[in-house]
């Protein structure tokens, strides 16, 4: 081999190394650009996912707040129901006590009635209490019992009552 052939081989190897270096650099730049684009895409996806997660968290917080409000209302209603039930029970006990006292006074009055032989006053007592044959009268309320003997216009508020008619 002569000197010129060696120079050409060295130059060819140098050119080959430069071309390989240029190709490698170009590939590296392309890979870097591809990596940058992928990084940007992942960043955008991360932002979108974070936004969805934030929206979901806000919705969950809102639903949780509504659930707490509904539970508070339910607790309040339950407390009111317990209070009303206790009040109703108290009134039932008072009514039973008043009924027992009324029965006691009626029994005492019947025992003290001077002319027991003139008839049994229990029917008039039942009508005073609004009862017939041990049953409450139809239409009777706690406020104003309906009395069958007032059907003839003798009730003071009946327009047929004598105080309402012109003589």
N, C-alpha and C. Protein backbone atom coordinates (compact mmCIF):
# COMPACT_ATOMS: atom_id res chain seq x y z
N UNK A 1 0.83 -1.14 0.00
CA UNK A 1 0.00 0.00 0.00
C UNK A 1 0.89 1.22 0.00
N UNK A 2 0.47 2.00 -0.78
CA UNK A 2 1.28 3.20 -0.86
C UNK A 2 0.69 4.26 0.04
N UNK A 3 1.31 5.34 0.18
CA UNK A 3 0.97 6.41 1.11
C UNK A 3 -0.34 7.07 0.76
N UNK A 4 -0.61 7.15 -0.53
CA UNK A 4 -1.80 7.81 -0.97
C UNK A 4 -3.02 6.97 -0.63
N UNK A 5 -2.94 5.70 -0.72
CA UNK A 5 -4.04 4.80 -0.41
C UNK A 5 -4.36 4.90 1.07
N UNK A 6 -3.34 5.01 1.89
CA UNK A 6 -3.53 5.12 3.33
C UNK A 6 -4.24 6.44 3.64
N UNK A 7 -3.84 7.49 2.97
CA UNK A 7 -4.45 8.80 3.21
C UNK A 7 -5.93 8.71 2.82
N UNK A 8 -6.19 8.08 1.64
CA UNK A 8 -7.58 7.96 1.22
C UNK A 8 -8.38 7.09 2.19
N UNK A 9 -7.79 6.09 2.75
CA UNK A 9 -8.49 5.23 3.72
C UNK A 9 -8.76 6.04 4.98
N UNK A 10 -7.78 6.83 5.42
CA UNK A 10 -7.94 7.65 6.63
C UNK A 10 -9.03 8.69 6.36
N UNK A 11 -8.99 9.33 5.19
CA UNK A 11 -9.99 10.35 4.85
C UNK A 11 -11.36 9.69 4.77
N UNK A 12 -11.45 8.52 4.18
CA UNK A 12 -12.72 7.82 4.06
C UNK A 12 -13.25 7.46 5.44
N UNK A 13 -12.32 7.02 6.31
CA UNK A 13 -12.75 6.68 7.68
C UNK A 13 -13.19 7.95 8.40
N UNK A 14 -12.50 9.05 8.23
CA UNK A 14 -12.85 10.31 8.87
C UNK A 14 -14.21 10.78 8.37
N UNK A 15 -14.42 10.70 7.05
CA UNK A 15 -15.71 11.12 6.48
C UNK A 15 -16.80 10.21 7.01
N UNK A 16 -16.50 8.92 7.08
CA UNK A 16 -17.48 7.98 7.59
C UNK A 16 -17.83 8.29 9.05
N UNK A 17 -16.82 8.61 9.85
CA UNK A 17 -17.04 8.96 11.27
C UNK A 17 -17.87 10.23 11.34
N UNK A 18 -17.57 11.23 10.50
CA UNK A 18 -18.31 12.49 10.53
C UNK A 18 -19.78 12.24 10.12
N UNK A 19 -19.95 11.45 9.06
CA UNK A 19 -21.32 11.16 8.60
C UNK A 19 -22.08 10.41 9.69
N UNK A 20 -21.43 9.44 10.33
CA UNK A 20 -22.07 8.69 11.41
C UNK A 20 -22.39 9.64 12.56
N UNK A 21 -21.48 10.56 12.88
CA UNK A 21 -21.71 11.53 13.95
C UNK A 21 -22.88 12.43 13.60
N UNK A 22 -22.92 12.89 12.34
CA UNK A 22 -24.04 13.74 11.91
C UNK A 22 -25.37 12.98 11.99
N UNK A 23 -25.37 11.75 11.54
CA UNK A 23 -26.60 10.93 11.59
C UNK A 23 -27.00 10.70 13.04
N UNK A 24 -26.05 10.38 13.87
CA UNK A 24 -26.33 10.15 15.29
C UNK A 24 -26.87 11.42 15.93
N UNK A 25 -26.27 12.58 15.60
CA UNK A 25 -26.74 13.86 16.16
C UNK A 25 -28.16 14.16 15.71
N UNK A 26 -28.43 13.92 14.41
CA UNK A 26 -29.77 14.17 13.89
C UNK A 26 -30.78 13.25 14.57
N UNK A 27 -30.39 11.99 14.75
CA UNK A 27 -31.29 11.05 15.42
C UNK A 27 -31.51 11.46 16.88
N UNK A 28 -30.47 11.94 17.49
CA UNK A 28 -30.57 12.39 18.87
C UNK A 28 -31.50 13.59 18.98
N UNK A 29 -31.37 14.53 18.02
CA UNK A 29 -32.25 15.70 18.03
C UNK A 29 -33.71 15.28 17.81
N UNK A 30 -33.89 14.36 16.86
CA UNK A 30 -35.25 13.88 16.60
C UNK A 30 -35.82 13.18 17.84
N UNK A 31 -34.99 12.37 18.48
CA UNK A 31 -35.44 11.68 19.69
C UNK A 31 -35.76 12.71 20.78
N UNK A 32 -34.91 13.71 20.92
CA UNK A 32 -35.15 14.76 21.91
C UNK A 32 -36.45 15.51 21.61
N UNK A 33 -36.67 15.81 20.32
CA UNK A 33 -37.90 16.49 19.92
C UNK A 33 -39.11 15.60 20.20
N UNK A 34 -38.99 14.32 19.86
CA UNK A 34 -40.06 13.37 20.14
C UNK A 34 -40.32 13.28 21.65
N UNK A 35 -39.26 13.24 22.42
CA UNK A 35 -39.40 13.19 23.88
C UNK A 35 -40.07 14.45 24.40
N UNK A 36 -39.69 15.61 23.83
CA UNK A 36 -40.30 16.88 24.24
C UNK A 36 -41.80 16.87 23.92
N UNK A 37 -42.15 16.42 22.73
CA UNK A 37 -43.57 16.36 22.33
C UNK A 37 -44.33 15.41 23.26
N UNK A 38 -43.75 14.25 23.53
CA UNK A 38 -44.40 13.31 24.44
C UNK A 38 -44.53 13.89 25.84
N UNK A 39 -43.50 14.59 26.28
CA UNK A 39 -43.55 15.22 27.61
C UNK A 39 -44.68 16.25 27.66
N UNK A 40 -44.81 17.05 26.59
CA UNK A 40 -45.89 18.04 26.54
C UNK A 40 -47.26 17.36 26.56
N UNK A 41 -47.37 16.28 25.79
CA UNK A 41 -48.65 15.55 25.77
C UNK A 41 -48.97 14.99 27.15
N UNK A 42 -47.97 14.42 27.81
CA UNK A 42 -48.19 13.88 29.16
C UNK A 42 -48.53 15.01 30.13
N UNK A 43 -47.90 16.16 29.96
CA UNK A 43 -48.20 17.30 30.83
C UNK A 43 -49.64 17.75 30.63
N UNK A 44 -50.07 17.81 29.36
CA UNK A 44 -51.44 18.20 29.08
C UNK A 44 -52.43 17.18 29.66
N UNK A 45 -52.10 15.92 29.50
CA UNK A 45 -52.96 14.88 30.08
C UNK A 45 -52.99 14.97 31.60
N UNK A 46 -51.84 15.28 32.19
CA UNK A 46 -51.78 15.44 33.65
C UNK A 46 -52.66 16.60 34.09
N UNK A 47 -52.59 17.75 33.37
CA UNK A 47 -53.43 18.91 33.70
C UNK A 47 -54.92 18.56 33.56
N UNK A 48 -55.25 17.86 32.45
CA UNK A 48 -56.65 17.48 32.23
C UNK A 48 -57.12 16.54 33.34
N UNK A 49 -56.27 15.57 33.70
CA UNK A 49 -56.62 14.64 34.78
C UNK A 49 -56.77 15.37 36.10
N UNK A 50 -55.88 16.32 36.36
CA UNK A 50 -55.96 17.10 37.60
C UNK A 50 -57.24 17.93 37.62
N UNK A 51 -57.62 18.51 36.47
CA UNK A 51 -58.85 19.29 36.40
C UNK A 51 -60.07 18.39 36.66
N UNK A 52 -60.07 17.19 36.04
CA UNK A 52 -61.17 16.25 36.27
C UNK A 52 -61.23 15.83 37.74
N UNK A 53 -60.05 15.57 38.31
CA UNK A 53 -60.00 15.17 39.72
C UNK A 53 -60.52 16.29 40.61
N UNK A 54 -60.16 17.52 40.31
CA UNK A 54 -60.62 18.67 41.10
C UNK A 54 -62.13 18.83 40.98
N UNK A 55 -62.63 18.65 39.75
CA UNK A 55 -64.07 18.75 39.52
C UNK A 55 -64.80 17.65 40.29
N UNK A 56 -64.26 16.43 40.24
CA UNK A 56 -64.86 15.32 40.96
C UNK A 56 -64.83 15.56 42.47
N UNK A 57 -63.72 16.11 42.96
CA UNK A 57 -63.62 16.41 44.40
C UNK A 57 -64.64 17.47 44.78
N UNK A 58 -64.79 18.51 43.94
CA UNK A 58 -65.77 19.56 44.24
C UNK A 58 -67.19 18.98 44.25
N UNK A 59 -67.47 18.11 43.29
CA UNK A 59 -68.79 17.47 43.25
C UNK A 59 -69.00 16.61 44.48
N UNK A 60 -67.98 15.86 44.85
CA UNK A 60 -68.07 15.01 46.04
C UNK A 60 -68.29 15.87 47.29
N UNK A 61 -67.59 17.00 47.39
CA UNK A 61 -67.77 17.90 48.53
C UNK A 61 -69.20 18.45 48.57
N UNK A 62 -69.72 18.79 47.39
CA UNK A 62 -71.08 19.31 47.31
C UNK A 62 -72.10 18.26 47.73
N UNK A 63 -71.93 17.05 47.24
CA UNK A 63 -72.83 15.95 47.61
C UNK A 63 -72.72 15.66 49.11
N UNK A 64 -71.51 15.70 49.62
CA UNK A 64 -71.30 15.48 51.05
C UNK A 64 -72.00 16.56 51.86
N UNK A 65 -71.90 17.81 51.42
CA UNK A 65 -72.55 18.91 52.13
C UNK A 65 -74.07 18.73 52.10
N UNK A 66 -74.61 18.32 50.95
CA UNK A 66 -76.06 18.08 50.87
C UNK A 66 -76.46 16.93 51.79
N UNK A 67 -75.64 15.91 51.83
CA UNK A 67 -75.93 14.77 52.71
C UNK A 67 -75.92 15.21 54.18
N UNK A 68 -74.95 16.05 54.55
CA UNK A 68 -74.90 16.54 55.93
C UNK A 68 -76.13 17.39 56.24
N UNK A 69 -76.55 18.24 55.28
CA UNK A 69 -77.75 19.06 55.51
C UNK A 69 -78.98 18.17 55.65
N UNK A 70 -79.09 17.17 54.77
CA UNK A 70 -80.23 16.26 54.85
C UNK A 70 -80.22 15.50 56.18
N UNK A 71 -79.05 15.08 56.63
CA UNK A 71 -78.95 14.38 57.91
C UNK A 71 -79.33 15.31 59.06
N UNK A 72 -78.91 16.58 58.97
CA UNK A 72 -79.26 17.54 60.01
C UNK A 72 -80.77 17.75 60.05
N UNK A 73 -81.39 17.86 58.88
CA UNK A 73 -82.84 18.01 58.82
C UNK A 73 -83.52 16.77 59.39
N UNK A 74 -83.01 15.60 59.02
CA UNK A 74 -83.59 14.35 59.53
C UNK A 74 -83.43 14.27 61.05
N UNK A 75 -82.27 14.66 61.55
CA UNK A 75 -82.06 14.66 63.00
C UNK A 75 -83.01 15.63 63.69
N UNK A 76 -83.19 16.79 63.07
CA UNK A 76 -84.10 17.79 63.64
C UNK A 76 -85.53 17.26 63.66
N UNK A 77 -85.93 16.62 62.55
CA UNK A 77 -87.29 16.06 62.47
C UNK A 77 -87.45 14.94 63.50
N UNK A 78 -86.43 14.11 63.65
CA UNK A 78 -86.50 13.03 64.63
C UNK A 78 -86.61 13.59 66.04
N UNK A 79 -85.86 14.65 66.32
CA UNK A 79 -85.93 15.27 67.65
C UNK A 79 -87.32 15.87 67.86
N UNK A 80 -87.86 16.50 66.82
CA UNK A 80 -89.21 17.08 66.93
C UNK A 80 -90.24 15.97 67.14
N UNK A 81 -90.08 14.87 66.41
CA UNK A 81 -91.00 13.74 66.58
C UNK A 81 -90.93 13.18 67.99
N UNK A 82 -89.71 13.06 68.53
CA UNK A 82 -89.57 12.57 69.91
C UNK A 82 -90.22 13.54 70.89
N UNK A 83 -90.02 14.84 70.65
CA UNK A 83 -90.59 15.85 71.55
C UNK A 83 -92.12 15.81 71.47
N UNK A 84 -92.67 15.73 70.25
CA UNK A 84 -94.11 15.68 70.09
C UNK A 84 -94.69 14.40 70.70
N UNK A 85 -93.99 13.30 70.51
CA UNK A 85 -94.45 12.04 71.07
C UNK A 85 -94.46 12.11 72.60
N UNK A 86 -93.41 12.69 73.15
CA UNK A 86 -93.36 12.85 74.61
C UNK A 86 -94.50 13.74 75.08
N UNK A 87 -94.77 14.82 74.34
CA UNK A 87 -95.88 15.71 74.70
C UNK A 87 -97.22 14.99 74.61
N UNK A 88 -97.39 14.16 73.55
CA UNK A 88 -98.63 13.41 73.41
C UNK A 88 -98.78 12.42 74.56
N UNK A 89 -97.71 11.75 74.91
CA UNK A 89 -97.77 10.81 76.03
C UNK A 89 -98.12 11.53 77.33
N UNK A 90 -97.52 12.70 77.51
CA UNK A 90 -97.80 13.48 78.71
C UNK A 90 -99.28 13.88 78.74
N UNK A 91 -99.81 14.30 77.60
CA UNK A 91 -101.23 14.69 77.54
C UNK A 91 -102.14 13.48 77.76
N UNK A 92 -101.73 12.31 77.24
CA UNK A 92 -102.52 11.10 77.47
C UNK A 92 -102.56 10.77 78.96
N UNK A 93 -101.41 10.91 79.61
CA UNK A 93 -101.36 10.64 81.05
C UNK A 93 -102.23 11.64 81.81
N UNK A 94 -102.17 12.92 81.40
CA UNK A 94 -103.00 13.93 82.04
C UNK A 94 -104.48 13.65 81.81
N UNK A 95 -104.82 13.21 80.57
CA UNK A 95 -106.21 12.88 80.26
C UNK A 95 -106.68 11.69 81.09
N UNK A 96 -105.82 10.68 81.20
CA UNK A 96 -106.18 9.52 82.01
C UNK A 96 -106.36 9.92 83.47
N UNK A 97 -105.50 10.79 83.96
CA UNK A 97 -105.61 11.26 85.33
C UNK A 97 -106.90 12.06 85.52
N UNK A 98 -107.21 12.93 84.56
CA UNK A 98 -108.43 13.73 84.64
C UNK A 98 -109.65 12.82 84.57
N UNK A 99 -109.60 11.79 83.70
CA UNK A 99 -110.72 10.84 83.57
C UNK A 99 -110.89 10.09 84.89
N UNK A 100 -109.79 9.66 85.49
CA UNK A 100 -109.87 8.95 86.77
C UNK A 100 -110.47 9.86 87.84
N UNK A 101 -110.04 11.12 87.86
CA UNK A 101 -110.58 12.08 88.83
C UNK A 101 -112.07 12.30 88.59
N UNK A 102 -112.46 12.41 87.29
CA UNK A 102 -113.87 12.59 86.95
C UNK A 102 -114.68 11.38 87.39
N UNK A 103 -114.16 10.20 87.12
CA UNK A 103 -114.86 8.98 87.54
C UNK A 103 -114.99 8.92 89.06
N UNK A 104 -113.95 9.33 89.75
CA UNK A 104 -113.97 9.32 91.22
C UNK A 104 -115.05 10.29 91.72
N UNK A 105 -115.10 11.50 91.14
CA UNK A 105 -116.11 12.48 91.56
C UNK A 105 -117.52 11.99 91.22
N UNK A 106 -117.71 11.36 90.07
CA UNK A 106 -119.01 10.84 89.68
C UNK A 106 -119.43 9.75 90.64
N UNK A 107 -118.48 8.86 90.98
CA UNK A 107 -118.80 7.80 91.92
C UNK A 107 -119.18 8.36 93.28
N UNK A 108 -118.45 9.39 93.71
CA UNK A 108 -118.78 10.02 94.99
C UNK A 108 -120.15 10.67 94.92
N UNK A 109 -120.44 11.32 93.78
CA UNK A 109 -121.74 11.97 93.64
C UNK A 109 -122.86 10.93 93.64
N UNK A 110 -122.66 9.80 92.97
CA UNK A 110 -123.69 8.76 92.95
C UNK A 110 -123.90 8.17 94.34
N UNK A 111 -122.81 8.06 95.08
CA UNK A 111 -122.93 7.53 96.44
C UNK A 111 -123.64 8.50 97.36
N UNK A 112 -123.50 9.79 97.08
CA UNK A 112 -124.10 10.81 97.95
C UNK A 112 -125.47 11.27 97.47
N UNK A 113 -125.92 10.79 96.32
CA UNK A 113 -127.19 11.25 95.75
C UNK A 113 -128.31 10.92 96.72
N UNK A 114 -129.09 11.94 97.13
CA UNK A 114 -130.06 11.70 98.20
C UNK A 114 -131.20 10.78 97.81
N UNK A 115 -131.68 10.82 96.62
CA UNK A 115 -132.81 9.97 96.27
C UNK A 115 -132.41 8.98 95.19
N UNK A 116 -131.63 8.00 95.61
CA UNK A 116 -131.14 6.98 94.69
C UNK A 116 -132.29 6.15 94.12
N UNK A 117 -133.38 6.04 94.89
CA UNK A 117 -134.48 5.20 94.44
C UNK A 117 -135.26 5.83 93.29
N UNK A 118 -135.06 7.10 92.95
CA UNK A 118 -135.79 7.75 91.86
C UNK A 118 -135.21 7.43 90.49
N UNK A 119 -134.23 6.68 90.38
CA UNK A 119 -133.73 6.28 89.07
C UNK A 119 -132.22 6.32 89.02
N UNK A 120 -131.73 5.73 88.01
CA UNK A 120 -130.28 5.66 87.80
C UNK A 120 -129.85 6.89 87.03
N UNK A 121 -128.88 7.60 87.54
CA UNK A 121 -128.39 8.82 86.88
C UNK A 121 -127.22 8.53 85.96
N UNK A 122 -126.89 7.28 85.80
CA UNK A 122 -125.71 6.97 84.97
C UNK A 122 -125.96 7.30 83.51
N UNK A 123 -127.21 7.20 83.01
CA UNK A 123 -127.48 7.55 81.61
C UNK A 123 -127.28 9.03 81.40
N UNK A 124 -127.73 9.85 82.35
CA UNK A 124 -127.52 11.30 82.19
C UNK A 124 -126.05 11.64 82.34
N UNK A 125 -125.34 10.88 83.21
CA UNK A 125 -123.90 11.10 83.34
C UNK A 125 -123.19 10.78 82.05
N UNK A 126 -123.61 9.68 81.38
CA UNK A 126 -122.97 9.31 80.11
C UNK A 126 -123.25 10.36 79.06
N UNK A 127 -124.47 10.90 79.03
CA UNK A 127 -124.77 11.92 78.01
C UNK A 127 -124.00 13.19 78.31
N UNK A 128 -123.74 13.48 79.58
CA UNK A 128 -122.94 14.66 79.92
C UNK A 128 -121.51 14.47 79.44
N UNK A 129 -121.02 13.21 79.49
CA UNK A 129 -119.67 12.93 79.04
C UNK A 129 -119.63 12.70 77.54
N UNK A 130 -120.78 12.63 76.87
CA UNK A 130 -120.80 12.42 75.44
C UNK A 130 -120.72 10.97 75.07
N UNK A 131 -121.28 10.09 75.88
CA UNK A 131 -121.20 8.66 75.61
C UNK A 131 -122.61 8.09 75.56
N UNK A 132 -122.79 7.05 74.80
CA UNK A 132 -124.00 6.25 74.81
C UNK A 132 -123.58 4.81 74.80
N UNK A 133 -124.09 4.08 75.69
CA UNK A 133 -123.78 2.65 75.79
C UNK A 133 -122.28 2.41 75.85
N UNK A 134 -121.55 3.27 76.49
CA UNK A 134 -120.12 3.07 76.66
C UNK A 134 -119.29 3.42 75.44
N UNK A 135 -119.91 3.90 74.35
CA UNK A 135 -119.20 4.25 73.13
C UNK A 135 -119.15 5.77 72.98
N UNK A 136 -118.03 6.32 72.48
CA UNK A 136 -118.01 7.76 72.23
C UNK A 136 -118.99 8.10 71.11
N UNK A 137 -119.56 9.30 71.21
CA UNK A 137 -120.54 9.72 70.21
C UNK A 137 -119.87 9.99 68.88
N UNK A 138 -120.63 9.77 67.82
CA UNK A 138 -120.14 10.06 66.48
C UNK A 138 -119.94 11.56 66.34
N UNK A 139 -118.81 11.99 65.79
CA UNK A 139 -118.56 13.40 65.54
C UNK A 139 -118.06 14.16 66.75
N UNK A 140 -117.91 13.49 67.89
CA UNK A 140 -117.46 14.17 69.09
C UNK A 140 -115.98 14.49 68.99
N UNK A 141 -115.61 15.65 69.47
CA UNK A 141 -114.21 16.04 69.51
C UNK A 141 -113.87 16.45 70.92
N UNK A 142 -112.59 16.67 71.19
CA UNK A 142 -112.18 17.13 72.51
C UNK A 142 -112.68 18.54 72.78
N UNK A 143 -112.82 19.34 71.71
CA UNK A 143 -113.19 20.74 71.89
C UNK A 143 -114.67 20.89 72.21
N UNK A 144 -115.56 20.18 71.48
CA UNK A 144 -116.98 20.33 71.69
C UNK A 144 -117.68 19.03 71.34
N UNK A 145 -118.14 18.30 72.33
CA UNK A 145 -118.82 17.05 72.03
C UNK A 145 -120.17 17.31 71.37
N UNK A 146 -120.58 16.39 70.52
CA UNK A 146 -121.89 16.48 69.88
C UNK A 146 -122.87 15.74 70.78
N UNK A 147 -123.96 16.41 71.12
CA UNK A 147 -124.95 15.78 71.98
C UNK A 147 -126.20 15.50 71.17
N UNK A 148 -126.72 14.30 71.25
CA UNK A 148 -127.91 13.97 70.44
C UNK A 148 -129.13 14.77 70.86
N UNK A 149 -129.21 15.18 72.13
CA UNK A 149 -130.39 15.92 72.55
C UNK A 149 -130.38 17.36 72.05
N UNK A 150 -129.33 17.79 71.36
CA UNK A 150 -129.28 19.14 70.78
C UNK A 150 -129.75 19.15 69.34
N UNK A 151 -130.09 17.98 68.79
CA UNK A 151 -130.57 17.93 67.41
C UNK A 151 -131.91 18.63 67.24
N UNK A 152 -132.57 18.92 68.34
CA UNK A 152 -133.90 19.53 68.24
C UNK A 152 -133.84 21.06 68.26
N UNK A 153 -132.65 21.66 68.17
CA UNK A 153 -132.52 23.11 68.13
C UNK A 153 -132.36 23.75 69.48
N UNK A 154 -132.05 22.97 70.51
CA UNK A 154 -131.91 23.54 71.85
C UNK A 154 -130.49 24.00 72.15
N UNK A 155 -129.56 23.70 71.25
CA UNK A 155 -128.18 24.15 71.47
C UNK A 155 -128.13 25.67 71.37
N UNK A 156 -127.44 26.35 72.29
CA UNK A 156 -127.44 27.82 72.30
C UNK A 156 -126.91 28.44 71.00
N UNK A 157 -126.07 27.72 70.24
CA UNK A 157 -125.54 28.28 69.01
C UNK A 157 -126.33 27.86 67.78
N UNK A 158 -127.35 27.04 67.95
CA UNK A 158 -128.18 26.59 66.84
C UNK A 158 -129.10 27.75 66.43
N UNK A 159 -129.17 28.07 65.14
CA UNK A 159 -130.03 29.20 64.72
C UNK A 159 -131.51 28.95 65.02
N UNK A 160 -131.89 27.68 65.24
CA UNK A 160 -133.28 27.39 65.58
C UNK A 160 -133.57 27.65 67.06
N UNK A 161 -132.53 27.92 67.84
CA UNK A 161 -132.69 28.14 69.28
C UNK A 161 -133.58 29.35 69.51
N UNK A 162 -134.32 29.34 70.60
CA UNK A 162 -135.29 30.40 70.87
C UNK A 162 -134.66 31.77 70.99
N UNK A 163 -133.41 31.86 71.40
CA UNK A 163 -132.80 33.18 71.54
C UNK A 163 -132.49 33.81 70.19
N UNK A 164 -132.47 32.99 69.10
CA UNK A 164 -132.17 33.50 67.77
C UNK A 164 -133.44 33.80 66.96
N UNK A 165 -134.57 33.34 67.39
CA UNK A 165 -135.82 33.55 66.63
C UNK A 165 -136.51 34.78 67.14
N UNK A 166 -137.23 35.44 66.24
CA UNK A 166 -138.00 36.65 66.62
C UNK A 166 -139.41 36.21 67.00
N UNK A 167 -139.85 36.75 68.10
CA UNK A 167 -141.20 36.37 68.57
C UNK A 167 -142.24 37.28 68.03
